[in-house]
C-alpha atoms as a PDB file:
ATOM      1  CA  MET A   1     -14.448  -4.785  -9.344  1.00  0.00           C
ATOM      2  CA  ARG A   2     -12.462  -5.182 -12.511  1.00  0.00           C
ATOM      3  CA  ILE A   3      -8.917  -4.347 -13.474  1.00  0.00           C
ATOM      4  CA  ILE A   4      -8.769  -1.784 -16.251  1.00  0.00           C
ATOM      5  CA  GLY A   5      -4.988  -1.735 -16.580  1.00  0.00           C
ATOM      6  CA  GLU A   6      -1.550  -1.611 -15.072  1.00  0.00           C
ATOM      7  CA  ILE A   7       0.934   1.229 -15.097  1.00  0.00           C
ATOM      8  CA  ALA A   8       4.542   0.202 -15.603  1.00  0.00           C
ATOM      9  CA  HIS A   9       6.955   1.251 -12.879  1.00  0.00           C
ATOM     10  CA  ALA A  10      10.424   0.019 -11.955  1.00  0.00           C
ATOM     11  CA  LYS A  11       9.767  -0.225  -8.203  1.00  0.00           C
ATOM     12  CA  TYR A  12       6.015  -0.477  -7.634  1.00  0.00           C
ATOM     13  CA  LYS A  13       3.218  -2.608  -8.995  1.00  0.00           C
ATOM     14  CA  ILE A  14       0.516  -0.116  -9.981  1.00  0.00           C
ATOM     15  CA  THR A  15      -2.961  -1.371 -10.854  1.00  0.00           C
ATOM     16  CA  ALA A  16      -6.034   0.621 -11.892  1.00  0.00           C
ATOM     17  CA  MET A  17      -9.474  -0.812 -11.182  1.00  0.00           C
ATOM     18  CA  LYS A  18     -13.065   0.242 -11.689  1.00  0.00           C
ATOM     19  CA  ASN A  19     -15.920  -0.446  -9.299  1.00  0.00           C
ATOM     20  CA  GLU A  20     -19.421   1.084  -9.247  1.00  0.00           C
ATOM     21  CA  GLY A  21     -18.558   4.602 -10.392  1.00  0.00           C
ATOM     22  CA  ARG A  22     -15.206   4.639  -8.651  1.00  0.00           C
ATOM     23  CA  LEU A  23     -11.693   4.267  -9.923  1.00  0.00           C
ATOM     24  CA  LEU A  24      -9.118   2.716  -7.656  1.00  0.00           C
ATOM     25  CA  LEU A  25      -5.385   3.145  -8.012  1.00  0.00           C
ATOM     26  CA  LYS A  26      -3.524   0.450  -6.058  1.00  0.00           C
ATOM     27  CA  ILE A  27       0.208   0.782  -5.545  1.00  0.00           C
ATOM     28  CA  GLU A  28       2.099  -2.164  -4.068  1.00  0.00           C
ATOM     29  CA  ASP A  29       5.605  -2.333  -2.641  1.00  0.00           C
ATOM     30  CA  GLY A  30       6.324  -5.815  -1.341  1.00  0.00           C
ATOM     31  CA  LEU A  31       3.986  -6.545   1.567  1.00  0.00           C
ATOM     32  CA  LEU A  32       2.678  -2.970   1.701  1.00  0.00           C
ATOM     33  CA  GLU A  33       0.047  -1.303  -0.441  1.00  0.00           C
ATOM     34  CA  GLN A  34      -1.676   2.034  -0.818  1.00  0.00           C
ATOM     35  CA  THR A  35      -5.035   2.483  -2.501  1.00  0.00           C
ATOM     36  CA  PHE A  36      -6.403   5.766  -3.785  1.00  0.00           C
ATOM     37  CA  LYS A  37     -10.071   6.084  -4.747  1.00  0.00           C
ATOM     38  CA  PHE A  38     -11.464   8.586  -7.228  1.00  0.00           C
ATOM     39  CA  ARG A  39     -14.951   9.222  -8.515  1.00  0.00           C
ATOM     40  CA  ALA A  40     -15.241   8.304 -12.164  1.00  0.00           C
ATOM     41  CA  SER A  41     -15.980  11.240 -14.453  1.00  0.00           C
ATOM     42  CA  GLU A  42     -15.442  12.310 -18.051  1.00  0.00           C
ATOM     43  CA  GLU A  43     -12.041  13.675 -17.049  1.00  0.00           C
ATOM     44  CA  LEU A  44     -11.064  10.505 -15.206  1.00  0.00           C
ATOM     45  CA  SER A  45     -12.489   7.317 -16.653  1.00  0.00           C
ATOM     46  CA  ASN A  46      -9.769   5.261 -18.359  1.00  0.00           C
ATOM     47  CA  ILE A  47      -6.265   3.937 -17.814  1.00  0.00           C
ATOM     48  CA  SER A  48      -4.521   6.670 -19.807  1.00  0.00           C
ATOM     49  CA  GLN A  49      -6.217   9.377 -17.747  1.00  0.00           C
ATOM     50  CA  ILE A  50      -5.363   7.580 -14.518  1.00  0.00           C
ATOM     51  CA  ALA A  51      -1.754   7.166 -15.655  1.00  0.00           C
ATOM     52  CA  GLN A  52      -1.478  10.957 -15.870  1.00  0.00           C
ATOM     53  CA  LEU A  53      -2.076  11.104 -12.111  1.00  0.00           C
ATOM     54  CA  VAL A  54       1.008   8.977 -11.514  1.00  0.00           C
ATOM     55  CA  ASN A  55       3.658  11.661 -11.884  1.00  0.00           C
ATOM     56  CA  GLY A  56       6.923  12.382 -10.069  1.00  0.00           C
ATOM     57  CA  GLU A  57       5.368  14.491  -7.304  1.00  0.00           C
ATOM     58  CA  PHE A  58       2.669  11.899  -6.602  1.00  0.00           C
ATOM     59  CA  LEU A  59       5.174   9.043  -6.544  1.00  0.00           C
ATOM     60  CA  GLN A  60       7.458  10.993  -4.184  1.00  0.00           C
ATOM     61  CA  THR A  61       4.546  11.337  -1.748  1.00  0.00           C
ATOM     62  CA  VAL A  62       3.766   7.633  -2.150  1.00  0.00           C
ATOM     63  CA  SER A  63       7.416   6.782  -1.486  1.00  0.00           C
ATOM     64  CA  VAL A  64       7.482   8.817   1.748  1.00  0.00           C
ATOM     65  CA  CYS A  65       4.292   7.122   2.890  1.00  0.00           C
ATOM     66  CA  PHE A  66       5.722   3.674   2.121  1.00  0.00           C
ATOM     67  CA  ALA A  67       8.818   4.518   4.185  1.00  0.00           C
ATOM     68  CA  GLN A  68       6.586   5.492   7.123  1.00  0.00           C
ATOM     69  CA  MET A  69       4.492   2.367   6.678  1.00  0.00           C
ATOM     70  CA  GLN A  70       7.616   0.182   6.576  1.00  0.00           C
ATOM     71  CA  ALA A  71       8.920   1.766   9.792  1.00  0.00           C
ATOM     72  CA  ALA A  72       5.559   1.223  11.526  1.00  0.00           C
ATOM     73  CA  HIS A  73       5.396  -2.349  10.226  1.00  0.00           C
ATOM     74  CA  GLN A  74       8.891  -3.136  11.501  1.00  0.00           C
ATOM     75  CA  GLN A  75       8.313  -1.456  14.885  1.00  0.00           C
ATOM     76  CA  THR A  76       5.044  -3.323  15.387  1.00  0.00           C
ATOM     77  CA  LEU A  77       6.682  -6.641  14.594  1.00  0.00           C
ATOM     78  CA  THR A  78       9.627  -5.868  16.879  1.00  0.00           C
ATOM     79  CA  ASN A  79       7.291  -4.910  19.740  1.00  0.00           C
ATOM     80  CA  TYR A  80       5.266  -8.082  19.245  1.00  0.00           C
ATOM     81  CA  LEU A  81       8.319 -10.332  19.264  1.00  0.00           C
ATOM     82  CA  GLN A  82       9.667  -8.591  22.360  1.00  0.00           C
ATOM     83  CA  SER A  83       6.352  -9.110  24.149  1.00  0.00           C
ATOM     84  CA  LEU A  84       6.493 -12.819  23.314  1.00  0.00           C
ATOM     85  CA  GLU A  85       9.984 -12.995  24.792  1.00  0.00           C
ATOM     86  CA  GLN A  86       8.820 -11.185  27.939  1.00  0.00           C
ATOM     87  CA  ASP A  87       5.861 -13.557  28.291  1.00  0.00           C
ATOM     88  CA  SER A  88       8.136 -16.570  28.006  1.00  0.00           C
ATOM     89  CA  LEU A  89      10.414 -15.135  30.722  1.00  0.00           C
ATOM     90  CA  ASN A  90       7.474 -14.761  33.127  1.00  0.00           C
ATOM     91  CA  LEU A  91       6.428 -18.397  32.981  1.00  0.00           C
ATOM     92  CA  PRO A  92       7.065 -20.447  36.118  1.00  0.00           C
ATOM     93  CA  ASP A  93       9.722 -23.134  35.937  1.00  0.00           C
ATOM     94  CA  ILE A  94       8.316 -26.629  35.910  1.00  0.00           C
ATOM     95  CA  ILE A  95      10.439 -29.124  37.732  1.00  0.00           C
END
């Protein structure tokens, strides 16, 4: 897999990669990332063509997905930490 370019964005790190007839568009927001895969073709084969995919509507959908991912991430971490607290409360006292 090789990086074919980056797309400038104020909030996200957006990287385009190529791998065995596929183009990958990776969008990162902190600890979260989304990856979109496309088949390479004449219409979609270089960074400028991929950059055309990254429009306002697409980024709005990405943003909604990141918000859902962040909520799931936070809830999972909260549940895990609560389970650790519960486990520590159930331990017998050692005298």
